[in-house]
N, C-alpha and C. Protein backbone atom coordinates (compact mmCIF):
# COMPACT_ATOMS: atom_id res chain seq x y z
N UNK A 1 140.59 169.64 90.79
CA UNK A 1 139.46 170.08 89.72
C UNK A 1 140.29 170.53 88.53
N UNK A 2 139.92 170.00 87.03
CA UNK A 2 140.81 170.62 86.11
C UNK A 2 139.70 171.98 85.50
N UNK A 3 140.63 172.65 84.69
CA UNK A 3 140.02 173.86 84.31
C UNK A 3 138.75 173.67 83.18
N UNK A 4 138.43 172.45 82.81
CA UNK A 4 137.41 172.52 82.07
C UNK A 4 136.12 172.23 83.33
N UNK A 5 136.30 171.48 84.15
CA UNK A 5 135.35 171.12 85.08
C UNK A 5 134.99 172.38 85.91
N UNK A 6 136.46 173.28 86.29
CA UNK A 6 136.04 174.51 86.91
C UNK A 6 135.00 175.36 85.96
N UNK A 7 135.40 175.48 84.87
CA UNK A 7 134.75 176.32 83.65
C UNK A 7 133.43 175.98 83.61
N UNK A 8 133.04 174.82 83.83
CA UNK A 8 131.63 174.27 83.74
C UNK A 8 130.67 174.70 85.19
N UNK A 9 131.33 174.37 86.20
CA UNK A 9 130.96 174.65 87.34
C UNK A 9 130.53 176.42 87.46
N UNK A 10 131.72 177.09 86.97
CA UNK A 10 131.17 178.44 87.11
C UNK A 10 130.09 178.73 86.26
N UNK A 11 129.82 178.16 85.02
CA UNK A 11 128.82 178.48 84.34
C UNK A 11 127.46 178.02 84.76
N UNK A 12 127.51 177.01 85.57
CA UNK A 12 126.49 175.98 85.95
C UNK A 12 125.81 177.03 87.29
N UNK A 13 126.99 177.79 87.82
CA UNK A 13 126.78 178.52 88.98
C UNK A 13 125.80 179.76 88.84
N UNK A 14 125.95 180.46 87.54
CA UNK A 14 125.31 181.53 87.13
C UNK A 14 123.44 181.14 87.18
N UNK A 15 123.53 179.88 86.48
CA UNK A 15 122.06 179.30 86.31
C UNK A 15 121.49 179.09 87.70
N UNK A 16 122.26 178.72 88.64
CA UNK A 16 122.22 178.13 89.89
C UNK A 16 121.72 179.55 90.65
N UNK A 17 122.44 180.44 90.58
CA UNK A 17 122.26 181.74 91.43
C UNK A 17 120.64 182.50 90.58
N UNK A 18 120.56 182.48 89.52
CA UNK A 18 119.41 183.07 88.57
C UNK A 18 118.44 182.32 89.00
N UNK A 19 118.33 181.09 89.22
CA UNK A 19 117.12 180.35 89.72
C UNK A 19 116.64 180.66 91.23
N UNK A 20 117.86 180.81 92.00
CA UNK A 20 117.52 181.33 93.44
C UNK A 20 116.89 182.44 93.47
N UNK A 21 116.93 183.50 92.75
CA UNK A 21 116.53 184.68 92.68
C UNK A 21 115.31 184.73 92.09
N UNK A 22 114.53 183.76 91.71
CA UNK A 22 113.08 183.74 91.22
C UNK A 22 112.13 183.67 92.44
N UNK A 23 111.27 184.63 92.38
CA UNK A 23 110.47 184.72 93.56
C UNK A 23 109.60 183.43 94.15
N UNK A 24 109.87 183.17 95.22
CA UNK A 24 109.23 181.80 95.90
C UNK A 24 110.24 180.82 95.74
N UNK A 25 111.39 180.78 94.87
CA UNK A 25 112.07 179.53 94.79
C UNK A 25 113.47 179.89 95.73
N UNK A 26 113.83 180.57 96.49
CA UNK A 26 114.79 180.64 97.27
C UNK A 26 115.09 179.63 98.24
N UNK A 27 114.12 179.09 98.49
CA UNK A 27 114.34 178.09 99.78
C UNK A 27 114.28 176.58 99.30
N UNK A 28 114.29 176.29 98.21
CA UNK A 28 114.54 175.32 97.47
C UNK A 28 115.56 174.66 96.84
N UNK A 29 115.83 173.33 96.89
CA UNK A 29 117.20 173.03 96.50
C UNK A 29 117.16 173.36 94.79
N UNK A 30 118.33 173.40 94.13
CA UNK A 30 118.51 173.39 92.92
C UNK A 30 117.90 172.40 91.89
N UNK A 31 117.97 171.29 92.36
CA UNK A 31 116.98 170.35 91.58
C UNK A 31 115.74 170.58 91.63
N UNK A 32 115.21 170.66 92.79
CA UNK A 32 113.89 171.22 93.00
C UNK A 32 113.45 172.52 91.87
N UNK A 33 114.27 173.84 91.91
CA UNK A 33 114.05 174.75 91.39
C UNK A 33 114.06 174.31 89.86
N UNK A 34 114.78 173.76 89.20
CA UNK A 34 114.82 173.26 88.02
C UNK A 34 113.65 172.51 87.67
N UNK A 35 112.98 171.70 88.57
CA UNK A 35 111.88 171.00 88.28
C UNK A 35 110.85 171.83 88.22
N UNK A 36 110.84 172.75 89.18
CA UNK A 36 109.57 173.58 89.07
C UNK A 36 109.59 174.77 88.07
N UNK A 37 110.62 175.03 87.39
CA UNK A 37 110.63 175.70 86.33
C UNK A 37 110.53 175.06 84.95
N UNK A 38 110.67 174.01 85.11
CA UNK A 38 110.58 173.10 83.88
C UNK A 38 111.94 173.22 83.19
N UNK A 39 113.20 173.55 83.64
CA UNK A 39 114.23 173.38 82.91
C UNK A 39 115.23 172.28 83.21
N UNK A 40 116.21 172.22 82.35
CA UNK A 40 117.30 171.16 82.92
C UNK A 40 118.61 171.91 83.49
N UNK A 41 119.56 171.27 83.82
CA UNK A 41 120.75 171.56 84.24
C UNK A 41 121.54 171.67 82.74
N UNK A 42 122.44 172.97 82.99
CA UNK A 42 123.39 173.07 81.74
C UNK A 42 124.12 171.97 81.53
N UNK A 43 124.65 171.13 82.35
CA UNK A 43 125.16 169.84 82.13
C UNK A 43 124.50 168.91 81.42
N UNK A 44 123.29 168.74 81.60
CA UNK A 44 122.53 167.75 81.10
C UNK A 44 122.15 168.29 79.56
N UNK A 45 121.95 169.45 79.38
CA UNK A 45 121.82 170.00 78.04
C UNK A 45 122.96 169.91 77.24
N UNK A 46 124.01 170.09 77.72
CA UNK A 46 125.03 169.69 76.77
C UNK A 46 125.45 168.51 76.53
N UNK A 47 125.33 167.61 77.31
CA UNK A 47 125.45 166.24 77.06
C UNK A 47 124.07 165.68 75.96
N UNK A 48 122.94 166.09 76.22
CA UNK A 48 121.68 165.89 75.11
C UNK A 48 122.26 166.53 73.55
N UNK A 49 122.75 167.82 73.76
CA UNK A 49 122.93 168.38 72.50
C UNK A 49 124.12 167.67 71.61
N UNK A 50 125.09 167.00 72.45
CA UNK A 50 126.18 166.08 71.87
C UNK A 50 125.89 164.90 71.37
N UNK A 51 124.88 164.37 72.06
CA UNK A 51 124.19 163.02 71.59
C UNK A 51 123.42 163.29 70.54
N UNK A 52 122.70 164.43 69.92
CA UNK A 52 121.64 164.71 69.02
C UNK A 52 123.09 164.93 67.75
N UNK A 53 123.77 165.59 68.42
CA UNK A 53 124.79 166.18 67.13
C UNK A 53 125.39 164.92 66.56
N UNK A 54 126.01 163.90 67.67
CA UNK A 54 126.53 162.72 67.04
C UNK A 54 125.39 162.06 66.21
N UNK A 55 124.08 161.78 66.63
CA UNK A 55 123.09 160.96 65.79
C UNK A 55 122.93 161.82 64.52
N UNK A 56 123.13 162.89 64.61
CA UNK A 56 122.79 163.65 63.36
C UNK A 56 124.06 163.53 62.20
N UNK A 57 125.09 163.27 62.71
CA UNK A 57 126.33 163.13 61.80
C UNK A 57 126.42 161.67 61.59
N UNK A 58 125.51 160.83 62.09
CA UNK A 58 125.61 159.57 61.80
C UNK A 58 124.52 159.17 60.71
N UNK A 59 123.44 159.69 60.86
CA UNK A 59 122.47 159.56 59.64
C UNK A 59 122.66 160.56 58.78
N UNK A 60 123.67 161.20 58.74
CA UNK A 60 123.95 162.12 57.48
C UNK A 60 123.23 163.42 57.56
N UNK A 61 122.48 163.93 58.44
CA UNK A 61 121.94 165.26 58.61
C UNK A 61 122.82 166.32 58.49
N UNK A 62 124.10 166.05 59.00
CA UNK A 62 124.89 167.27 59.29
C UNK A 62 126.00 166.84 58.37
N UNK A 63 126.52 168.05 57.31
CA UNK A 63 127.63 167.86 56.52
C UNK A 63 129.14 167.67 57.01
N UNK A 64 129.09 166.45 57.65
CA UNK A 64 130.40 166.31 58.25
C UNK A 64 130.74 164.83 58.05
N UNK A 65 131.81 164.43 57.80
CA UNK A 65 132.34 162.64 57.60
C UNK A 65 132.15 162.03 59.01
N UNK A 66 131.55 161.20 59.18
CA UNK A 66 131.28 160.62 60.68
C UNK A 66 132.57 159.55 60.88
N UNK A 67 133.16 158.93 59.77
CA UNK A 67 134.38 158.39 60.02
C UNK A 67 135.55 158.75 60.10
N UNK A 68 135.49 160.09 60.10
CA UNK A 68 136.85 160.94 60.63
C UNK A 68 137.02 161.20 62.15
N UNK A 69 135.69 161.15 62.63
CA UNK A 69 135.55 161.45 64.21
C UNK A 69 135.50 160.36 65.07
N UNK A 70 134.68 159.41 64.63
CA UNK A 70 134.14 158.17 65.34
C UNK A 70 134.41 156.84 64.95
N UNK A 71 134.56 156.06 65.54
CA UNK A 71 134.84 154.45 64.86
C UNK A 71 133.63 153.75 65.50
N UNK A 72 132.86 152.85 64.75
CA UNK A 72 131.86 151.82 64.95
C UNK A 72 132.38 150.75 65.52
N UNK A 73 131.78 150.22 66.55
CA UNK A 73 132.36 149.00 67.31
C UNK A 73 132.09 147.64 66.09
N UNK A 74 132.73 146.78 66.06
CA UNK A 74 132.83 145.86 65.15
C UNK A 74 131.97 144.28 65.87
N UNK A 75 131.76 144.40 67.14
CA UNK A 75 131.45 143.52 68.04
C UNK A 75 130.06 143.62 68.32
N UNK A 76 129.14 144.27 67.58
CA UNK A 76 127.82 144.72 68.19
C UNK A 76 126.80 143.71 67.68
N UNK A 77 127.08 142.57 67.53
CA UNK A 77 125.90 141.47 66.85
C UNK A 77 125.16 140.84 67.86
N UNK A 78 125.45 140.88 69.24
CA UNK A 78 124.78 139.97 70.04
C UNK A 78 123.39 140.66 70.75
N UNK A 79 123.78 141.75 71.13
CA UNK A 79 122.50 142.80 71.69
C UNK A 79 122.53 143.94 71.19
N UNK A 80 121.19 144.60 71.17
CA UNK A 80 120.76 146.14 71.11
C UNK A 80 120.94 146.37 69.73
N UNK A 81 121.58 147.68 69.51
CA UNK A 81 121.34 148.12 67.92
C UNK A 81 122.92 148.22 67.41
N UNK A 82 122.83 148.41 66.29
CA UNK A 82 123.97 148.54 65.46
C UNK A 82 124.83 149.69 65.34
N UNK A 83 124.17 150.78 66.08
CA UNK A 83 124.76 152.01 65.90
C UNK A 83 125.94 152.13 67.45
N UNK A 84 126.77 151.04 68.06
CA UNK A 84 127.57 151.49 69.21
C UNK A 84 128.85 152.05 68.45
N UNK A 85 129.18 152.81 69.32
CA UNK A 85 130.64 153.44 69.10
C UNK A 85 131.80 152.71 69.86
N UNK A 86 133.05 152.79 69.07
CA UNK A 86 134.06 152.21 69.65
C UNK A 86 134.78 153.49 70.73
N UNK A 87 135.21 152.99 71.94
CA UNK A 87 135.50 153.97 72.79
C UNK A 87 137.36 153.71 73.05
N UNK A 88 137.77 154.76 72.57
CA UNK A 88 139.22 154.87 72.49
C UNK A 88 139.84 154.88 74.01
N UNK A 89 141.04 154.17 74.42
CA UNK A 89 141.61 154.16 75.55
C UNK A 89 142.40 155.56 75.70
N UNK A 90 141.95 156.49 76.56
CA UNK A 90 142.93 157.78 76.44
C UNK A 90 143.97 157.89 77.70
N UNK A 91 144.98 158.31 77.17
CA UNK A 91 146.09 158.37 78.48
C UNK A 91 146.01 159.48 79.11
N UNK A 92 145.41 160.72 78.55
CA UNK A 92 145.14 162.19 79.42
C UNK A 92 143.82 162.15 79.90
N UNK A 93 143.07 162.94 80.33
CA UNK A 93 142.02 163.05 81.15
C UNK A 93 141.25 164.25 80.02
N UNK A 94 142.26 165.08 79.40
CA UNK A 94 141.25 166.05 78.54
C UNK A 94 141.18 165.33 77.35
N UNK A 95 141.75 164.31 76.88
CA UNK A 95 140.87 163.58 76.00
C UNK A 95 139.98 162.50 76.24
N UNK A 96 140.21 162.14 77.44
CA UNK A 96 138.94 161.22 77.82
C UNK A 96 137.52 161.82 77.92
N UNK A 97 137.46 162.94 78.16
CA UNK A 97 136.37 164.04 78.08
C UNK A 97 136.21 164.53 76.79
N UNK A 98 136.63 164.46 75.86
CA UNK A 98 136.26 165.28 74.48
C UNK A 98 135.22 164.21 73.93
N UNK A 99 134.35 165.02 73.10
CA UNK A 99 133.46 164.55 72.55
C UNK A 99 133.47 163.10 71.68
N UNK A 100 134.37 163.46 70.82
CA UNK A 100 134.95 162.28 69.78
C UNK A 100 135.48 161.13 70.37
N UNK A 101 136.01 160.88 71.85
CA UNK A 101 136.40 159.96 72.40
C UNK A 101 135.55 159.31 73.07
């Protein structure tokens, strides 16, 4: 387990522990506790926030140059939408899981 995954698991364990202490939820699984409380896992929230941020960069709602961080795919004429991003090949895992990769 790399350091980033380890730290993410540690932060997620705080929410896991907190939801377990909620009255009446200690015998439920973590996914069931999240569903009952109406919240999402921290990993899912991070992913959603990253996607919203990239979208805001793309449409110009954030004062950042989109082209400095991302590359649009050129071969997206066949299906779907025109906002497909090019995925770079990464030699190292740390870059593979980086937002702009």
